[in-house]
Amino acid sequence: MSMTEPGNLEDEELLNRAHQLRLLALRGHSESGKRARLHEAEVRRRFGVPTTMSASLESAPARRRPFWRFW
């Protein structure tokens, strides 16, 4: 993997590298954790952090009970 700065990568390449670096970091490669965090920070900067703020406040539809009961 080349040492291109995360800010200079195209979106798809940035996502792929962030994923690959995170996998390497989870496998114990020492420098990959730092580089993965840099790439993931750039992903958050570009795409934002998904939140539940825009989620619907409607409750889930009620589930009907079966006509028989467990006992």
PDB file of N, CA and C in Angstrom:
ATOM      1  N   MET A   1       0.850  -1.183   0.000  1.00  0.00           N
ATOM      2  CA  MET A   1       0.000   0.000   0.000  1.00  0.00           C
ATOM      3  C   MET A   1       0.891   1.240   0.000  1.00  0.00           C
ATOM      4  N   SER A   2       0.658   2.159  -0.894  1.00  0.00           N
ATOM      5  CA  SER A   2       1.479   3.363  -0.949  1.00  0.00           C
ATOM      6  C   SER A   2       1.091   4.309   0.178  1.00  0.00           C
ATOM      7  N   MET A   3       1.912   5.299   0.410  1.00  0.00           N
ATOM      8  CA  MET A   3       1.724   6.207   1.529  1.00  0.00           C
ATOM      9  C   MET A   3       0.983   7.482   1.126  1.00  0.00           C
ATOM     10  N   THR A   4       0.044   7.396   0.212  1.00  0.00           N
ATOM     11  CA  THR A   4      -0.725   8.552  -0.220  1.00  0.00           C
ATOM     12  C   THR A   4      -1.546   9.091   0.945  1.00  0.00           C
ATOM     13  N   GLU A   5      -1.583  10.407   1.062  1.00  0.00           N
ATOM     14  CA  GLU A   5      -2.370  11.033   2.124  1.00  0.00           C
ATOM     15  C   GLU A   5      -3.855  10.741   1.912  1.00  0.00           C
ATOM     16  N   PRO A   6      -4.597  10.506   3.000  1.00  0.00           N
ATOM     17  CA  PRO A   6      -6.025  10.202   2.859  1.00  0.00           C
ATOM     18  C   PRO A   6      -6.808  11.300   2.140  1.00  0.00           C
ATOM     19  N   GLY A   7      -6.429  12.551   2.303  1.00  0.00           N
ATOM     20  CA  GLY A   7      -7.130  13.654   1.671  1.00  0.00           C
ATOM     21  C   GLY A   7      -6.971  13.704   0.167  1.00  0.00           C
ATOM     22  N   ASN A   8      -5.971  13.007  -0.367  1.00  0.00           N
ATOM     23  CA  ASN A   8      -5.714  13.016  -1.807  1.00  0.00           C
ATOM     24  C   ASN A   8      -6.347  11.843  -2.540  1.00  0.00           C
ATOM     25  N   LEU A   9      -7.044  10.974  -1.831  1.00  0.00           N
ATOM     26  CA  LEU A   9      -7.623   9.779  -2.442  1.00  0.00           C
ATOM     27  C   LEU A   9      -9.047  10.035  -2.912  1.00  0.00           C
ATOM     28  N   GLU A  10      -9.452   9.285  -3.932  1.00  0.00           N
ATOM     29  CA  GLU A  10     -10.849   9.294  -4.363  1.00  0.00           C
ATOM     30  C   GLU A  10     -11.679   8.611  -3.293  1.00  0.00           C
ATOM     31  N   ASP A  11     -12.987   8.848  -3.294  1.00  0.00           N
ATOM     32  CA  ASP A  11     -13.870   8.319  -2.254  1.00  0.00           C
ATOM     33  C   ASP A  11     -13.780   6.799  -2.125  1.00  0.00           C
ATOM     34  N   GLU A  12     -13.900   6.095  -3.239  1.00  0.00           N
ATOM     35  CA  GLU A  12     -13.899   4.634  -3.194  1.00  0.00           C
ATOM     36  C   GLU A  12     -12.568   4.086  -2.700  1.00  0.00           C
ATOM     37  N   GLU A  13     -11.484   4.672  -3.160  1.00  0.00           N
ATOM     38  CA  GLU A  13     -10.156   4.234  -2.730  1.00  0.00           C
ATOM     39  C   GLU A  13      -9.953   4.518  -1.245  1.00  0.00           C
ATOM     40  N   LEU A  14     -10.446   5.644  -0.776  1.00  0.00           N
ATOM     41  CA  LEU A  14     -10.346   5.979   0.649  1.00  0.00           C
ATOM     42  C   LEU A  14     -11.081   4.947   1.497  1.00  0.00           C
ATOM     43  N   LEU A  15     -12.296   4.594   1.096  1.00  0.00           N
ATOM     44  CA  LEU A  15     -13.069   3.607   1.845  1.00  0.00           C
ATOM     45  C   LEU A  15     -12.381   2.246   1.849  1.00  0.00           C
ATOM     46  N   ASN A  16     -11.852   1.841   0.696  1.00  0.00           N
ATOM     47  CA  ASN A  16     -11.157   0.555   0.612  1.00  0.00           C
ATOM     48  C   ASN A  16      -9.916   0.536   1.492  1.00  0.00           C
ATOM     49  N   ARG A  17      -9.138   1.596   1.441  1.00  0.00           N
ATOM     50  CA  ARG A  17      -7.919   1.640   2.251  1.00  0.00           C
ATOM     51  C   ARG A  17      -8.224   1.683   3.742  1.00  0.00           C
ATOM     52  N   ALA A  18      -9.227   2.445   4.130  1.00  0.00           N
ATOM     53  CA  ALA A  18      -9.606   2.503   5.545  1.00  0.00           C
ATOM     54  C   ALA A  18      -9.982   1.112   6.036  1.00  0.00           C
ATOM     55  N   HIS A  19     -10.737   0.396   5.217  1.00  0.00           N
ATOM     56  CA  HIS A  19     -11.151  -0.962   5.586  1.00  0.00           C
ATOM     57  C   HIS A  19      -9.945  -1.895   5.682  1.00  0.00           C
ATOM     58  N   GLN A  20      -9.081  -1.860   4.680  1.00  0.00           N
ATOM     59  CA  GLN A  20      -7.917  -2.744   4.673  1.00  0.00           C
ATOM     60  C   GLN A  20      -6.964  -2.438   5.829  1.00  0.00           C
ATOM     61  N   LEU A  21      -6.762  -1.158   6.105  1.00  0.00           N
ATOM     62  CA  LEU A  21      -5.876  -0.797   7.211  1.00  0.00           C
ATOM     63  C   LEU A  21      -6.459  -1.216   8.555  1.00  0.00           C
ATOM     64  N   ARG A  22      -7.774  -1.103   8.708  1.00  0.00           N
ATOM     65  CA  ARG A  22      -8.403  -1.534   9.955  1.00  0.00           C
ATOM     66  C   ARG A  22      -8.230  -3.043  10.133  1.00  0.00           C
ATOM     67  N   LEU A  23      -8.371  -3.812   9.042  1.00  0.00           N
ATOM     68  CA  LEU A  23      -8.165  -5.259   9.132  1.00  0.00           C
ATOM     69  C   LEU A  23      -6.723  -5.584   9.538  1.00  0.00           C
ATOM     70  N   LEU A  24      -5.764  -4.881   8.946  1.00  0.00           N
ATOM     71  CA  LEU A  24      -4.364  -5.100   9.322  1.00  0.00           C
ATOM     72  C   LEU A  24      -4.121  -4.743  10.780  1.00  0.00           C
ATOM     73  N   ALA A  25      -4.719  -3.656  11.241  1.00  0.00           N
ATOM     74  CA  ALA A  25      -4.549  -3.243  12.635  1.00  0.00           C
ATOM     75  C   ALA A  25      -5.136  -4.287  13.580  1.00  0.00           C
ATOM     76  N   LEU A  26      -6.267  -4.857  13.214  1.00  0.00           N
ATOM     77  CA  LEU A  26      -6.873  -5.888  14.056  1.00  0.00           C
ATOM     78  C   LEU A  26      -6.031  -7.157  14.102  1.00  0.00           C
ATOM     79  N   ARG A  27      -5.217  -7.353  13.084  1.00  0.00           N
ATOM     80  CA  ARG A  27      -4.326  -8.521  13.046  1.00  0.00           C
ATOM     81  C   ARG A  27      -2.992  -8.245  13.731  1.00  0.00           C
ATOM     82  N   GLY A  28      -2.815  -7.034  14.266  1.00  0.00           N
ATOM     83  CA  GLY A  28      -1.626  -6.753  15.064  1.00  0.00           C
ATOM     84  C   GLY A  28      -0.515  -5.987  14.387  1.00  0.00           C
ATOM     85  N   HIS A  29      -0.711  -5.499  13.170  1.00  0.00           N
ATOM     86  CA  HIS A  29       0.333  -4.703  12.517  1.00  0.00           C
ATOM     87  C   HIS A  29       0.423  -3.347  13.217  1.00  0.00           C
ATOM     88  N   SER A  30       1.607  -3.003  13.677  1.00  0.00           N
ATOM     89  CA  SER A  30       1.768  -1.861  14.579  1.00  0.00           C
ATOM     90  C   SER A  30       1.410  -0.511  13.958  1.00  0.00           C
ATOM     91  N   GLU A  31       1.895  -0.201  12.789  1.00  0.00           N
ATOM     92  CA  GLU A  31       1.646   1.115  12.189  1.00  0.00           C
ATOM     93  C   GLU A  31       0.261   1.235  11.550  1.00  0.00           C
ATOM     94  N   SER A  32      -0.388   0.133  11.296  1.00  0.00           N
ATOM     95  CA  SER A  32      -1.676   0.159  10.603  1.00  0.00           C
ATOM     96  C   SER A  32      -2.761   0.829  11.419  1.00  0.00           C
ATOM     97  N   GLY A  33      -2.718   0.720  12.727  1.00  0.00           N
ATOM     98  CA  GLY A  33      -3.742   1.337  13.574  1.00  0.00           C
ATOM     99  C   GLY A  33      -3.761   2.848  13.434  1.00  0.00           C
ATOM    100  N   LYS A  34      -2.577   3.454  13.470  1.00  0.00           N
ATOM    101  CA  LYS A  34      -2.477   4.908  13.325  1.00  0.00           C
ATOM    102  C   LYS A  34      -2.954   5.352  11.946  1.00  0.00           C
ATOM    103  N   ARG A  35      -2.512   4.636  10.914  1.00  0.00           N
ATOM    104  CA  ARG A  35      -2.911   4.996   9.553  1.00  0.00           C
ATOM    105  C   ARG A  35      -4.404   4.756   9.334  1.00  0.00           C
ATOM    106  N   ALA A  36      -4.953   3.694   9.943  1.00  0.00           N
ATOM    107  CA  ALA A  36      -6.387   3.422   9.824  1.00  0.00           C
ATOM    108  C   ALA A  36      -7.189   4.561  10.449  1.00  0.00           C
ATOM    109  N   ARG A  37      -6.761   5.046  11.612  1.00  0.00           N
ATOM    110  CA  ARG A  37      -7.465   6.156  12.262  1.00  0.00           C
ATOM    111  C   ARG A  37      -7.439   7.414  11.405  1.00  0.00           C
ATOM    112  N   LEU A  38      -6.322   7.676  10.738  1.00  0.00           N
ATOM    113  CA  LEU A  38      -6.238   8.843   9.852  1.00  0.00           C
ATOM    114  C   LEU A  38      -7.207   8.705   8.677  1.00  0.00           C
ATOM    115  N   HIS A  39      -7.264   7.535   8.090  1.00  0.00           N
ATOM    116  CA  HIS A  39      -8.173   7.296   6.964  1.00  0.00           C
ATOM    117  C   HIS A  39      -9.635   7.351   7.420  1.00  0.00           C
ATOM    118  N   GLU A  40      -9.922   6.772   8.587  1.00  0.00           N
ATOM    119  CA  GLU A  40     -11.299   6.788   9.091  1.00  0.00           C
ATOM    120  C   GLU A  40     -11.745   8.204   9.450  1.00  0.00           C
ATOM    121  N   ALA A  41     -10.818   9.031   9.940  1.00  0.00           N
ATOM    122  CA  ALA A  41     -11.151  10.425  10.225  1.00  0.00           C
ATOM    123  C   ALA A  41     -11.508  11.165   8.942  1.00  0.00           C
ATOM    124  N   GLU A  42     -10.794  10.880   7.863  1.00  0.00           N
ATOM    125  CA  GLU A  42     -11.095  11.503   6.570  1.00  0.00           C
ATOM    126  C   GLU A  42     -12.450  11.027   6.047  1.00  0.00           C
ATOM    127  N   VAL A  43     -12.764   9.739   6.258  1.00  0.00           N
ATOM    128  CA  VAL A  43     -14.078   9.225   5.853  1.00  0.00           C
ATOM    129  C   VAL A  43     -15.178   9.977   6.604  1.00  0.00           C
ATOM    130  N   ARG A  44     -15.020  10.149   7.915  1.00  0.00           N
ATOM    131  CA  ARG A  44     -16.028  10.883   8.697  1.00  0.00           C
ATOM    132  C   ARG A  44     -16.131  12.339   8.244  1.00  0.00           C
ATOM    133  N   ARG A  45     -14.991  12.943   7.898  1.00  0.00           N
ATOM    134  CA  ARG A  45     -15.010  14.334   7.445  1.00  0.00           C
ATOM    135  C   ARG A  45     -15.781  14.467   6.136  1.00  0.00           C
ATOM    136  N   ARG A  46     -15.569  13.527   5.217  1.00  0.00           N
ATOM    137  CA  ARG A  46     -16.227  13.612   3.908  1.00  0.00           C
ATOM    138  C   ARG A  46     -17.703  13.236   3.963  1.00  0.00           C
ATOM    139  N   PHE A  47     -18.010  12.159   4.652  1.00  0.00           N
ATOM    140  CA  PHE A  47     -19.362  11.603   4.587  1.00  0.00           C
ATOM    141  C   PHE A  47     -20.196  11.881   5.822  1.00  0.00           C
ATOM    142  N   GLY A  48     -19.606  12.412   6.860  1.00  0.00           N
ATOM    143  CA  GLY A  48     -20.333  12.668   8.093  1.00  0.00           C
ATOM    144  C   GLY A  48     -20.549  11.382   8.877  1.00  0.00           C
ATOM    145  N   VAL A  49     -20.980  11.567  10.105  1.00  0.00           N
ATOM    146  CA  VAL A  49     -21.243  10.432  10.974  1.00  0.00           C
ATOM    147  C   VAL A  49     -22.743  10.164  10.952  1.00  0.00           C
ATOM    148  N   PRO A  50     -23.149   8.964  10.587  1.00  0.00           N
ATOM    149  CA  PRO A  50     -24.592   8.684  10.575  1.00  0.00           C
ATOM    150  C   PRO A  50     -25.148   8.728  11.997  1.00  0.00           C
ATOM    151  N   THR A  51     -26.293   9.348  12.140  1.00  0.00           N
ATOM    152  CA  THR A  51     -26.937   9.426  13.446  1.00  0.00           C
ATOM    153  C   THR A  51     -28.378   8.972  13.320  1.00  0.00           C
ATOM    154  N   THR A  52     -29.037   8.875  14.437  1.00  0.00           N
ATOM    155  CA  THR A  52     -30.449   8.530  14.450  1.00  0.00           C
ATOM    156  C   THR A  52     -31.311   9.780  14.548  1.00  0.00           C
ATOM    157  N   MET A  53     -30.725  10.963  14.433  1.00  0.00           N
ATOM    158  CA  MET A  53     -31.480  12.208  14.579  1.00  0.00           C
ATOM    159  C   MET A  53     -32.564  12.341  13.507  1.00  0.00           C
ATOM    160  N   SER A  54     -32.348  11.814  12.329  1.00  0.00           N
ATOM    161  CA  SER A  54     -33.332  11.946  11.267  1.00  0.00           C
ATOM    162  C   SER A  54     -34.256  10.726  11.178  1.00  0.00           C
ATOM    163  N   ALA A  55     -34.112   9.792  12.121  1.00  0.00           N
ATOM    164  CA  ALA A  55     -34.951   8.593  12.098  1.00  0.00           C
ATOM    165  C   ALA A  55     -36.384   8.930  12.483  1.00  0.00           C
ATOM    166  N   SER A  56     -37.305   8.139  12.019  1.00  0.00           N
ATOM    167  CA  SER A  56     -38.713   8.335  12.318  1.00  0.00           C
ATOM    168  C   SER A  56     -38.981   8.078  13.793  1.00  0.00           C
ATOM    169  N   LEU A  57     -39.897   8.856  14.375  1.00  0.00           N
ATOM    170  CA  LEU A  57     -40.254   8.678  15.776  1.00  0.00           C
ATOM    171  C   LEU A  57     -41.460   7.769  15.949  1.00  0.00           C
ATOM    172  N   GLU A  58     -41.967   7.242  14.849  1.00  0.00           N
ATOM    173  CA  GLU A  58     -43.106   6.346  14.934  1.00  0.00           C
ATOM    174  C   GLU A  58     -42.669   5.019  15.553  1.00  0.00           C
ATOM    175  N   SER A  59     -43.554   4.459  16.373  1.00  0.00           N
ATOM    176  CA  SER A  59     -43.221   3.173  16.975  1.00  0.00           C
ATOM    177  C   SER A  59     -43.423   2.067  15.947  1.00  0.00           C
ATOM    178  N   ALA A  60     -42.817   0.951  16.229  1.00  0.00           N
ATOM    179  CA  ALA A  60     -42.947  -0.196  15.327  1.00  0.00           C
ATOM    180  C   ALA A  60     -44.382  -0.698  15.362  1.00  0.00           C
ATOM    181  N   PRO A  61     -44.872  -1.262  14.270  1.00  0.00           N
ATOM    182  CA  PRO A  61     -46.251  -1.775  14.268  1.00  0.00           C
ATOM    183  C   PRO A  61     -46.406  -2.873  15.312  1.00  0.00           C
ATOM    184  N   ALA A  62     -47.556  -2.876  15.960  1.00  0.00           N
ATOM    185  CA  ALA A  62     -47.825  -3.878  16.992  1.00  0.00           C
ATOM    186  C   ALA A  62     -47.888  -5.264  16.371  1.00  0.00           C
ATOM    187  N   ARG A  63     -47.297  -6.218  17.051  1.00  0.00           N
ATOM    188  CA  ARG A  63     -47.326  -7.586  16.561  1.00  0.00           C
ATOM    189  C   ARG A  63     -48.524  -8.289  17.159  1.00  0.00           C
ATOM    190  N   ARG A  64     -49.226  -8.995  16.323  1.00  0.00           N
ATOM    191  CA  ARG A  64     -50.388  -9.740  16.803  1.00  0.00           C
ATOM    192  C   ARG A  64     -49.923 -10.974  17.554  1.00  0.00           C
ATOM    193  N   ARG A  65     -50.608 -11.261  18.628  1.00  0.00           N
ATOM    194  CA  ARG A  65     -50.284 -12.461  19.385  1.00  0.00           C
ATOM    195  C   ARG A  65     -50.904 -13.669  18.697  1.00  0.00           C
ATOM    196  N   PRO A  66     -50.255 -14.804  18.798  1.00  0.00           N
ATOM    197  CA  PRO A  66     -50.852 -16.006  18.222  1.00  0.00           C
ATOM    198  C   PRO A  66     -52.114 -16.406  18.997  1.00  0.00           C
ATOM    199  N   PHE A  67     -52.999 -17.144  18.358  1.00  0.00           N
ATOM    200  CA  PHE A  67     -54.231 -17.526  19.017  1.00  0.00           C
ATOM    201  C   PHE A  67     -53.986 -18.562  20.111  1.00  0.00           C
ATOM    202  N   TRP A  68     -52.804 -19.197  20.139  1.00  0.00           N
ATOM    203  CA  TRP A  68     -52.481 -20.167  21.169  1.00  0.00           C
ATOM    204  C   TRP A  68     -51.414 -19.572  22.088  1.00  0.00           C
ATOM    205  N   ARG A  69     -51.284 -20.091  23.271  1.00  0.00           N
ATOM    206  CA  ARG A  69     -50.325 -19.600  24.252  1.00  0.00           C
ATOM    207  C   ARG A  69     -49.322 -20.689  24.610  1.00  0.00           C
ATOM    208  N   PHE A  70     -48.094 -20.272  24.853  1.00  0.00           N
ATOM    209  CA  PHE A  70     -47.114 -21.203  25.432  1.00  0.00           C
ATOM    210  C   PHE A  70     -47.366 -21.255  26.921  1.00  0.00           C
ATOM    211  N   TRP A  71     -47.280 -22.425  27.517  1.00  0.00           N
ATOM    212  CA  TRP A  71     -47.364 -22.512  28.974  1.00  0.00           C
ATOM    213  C   TRP A  71     -46.470 -23.566  29.499  1.00  0.00           C
TER     214      TRP A  71
END
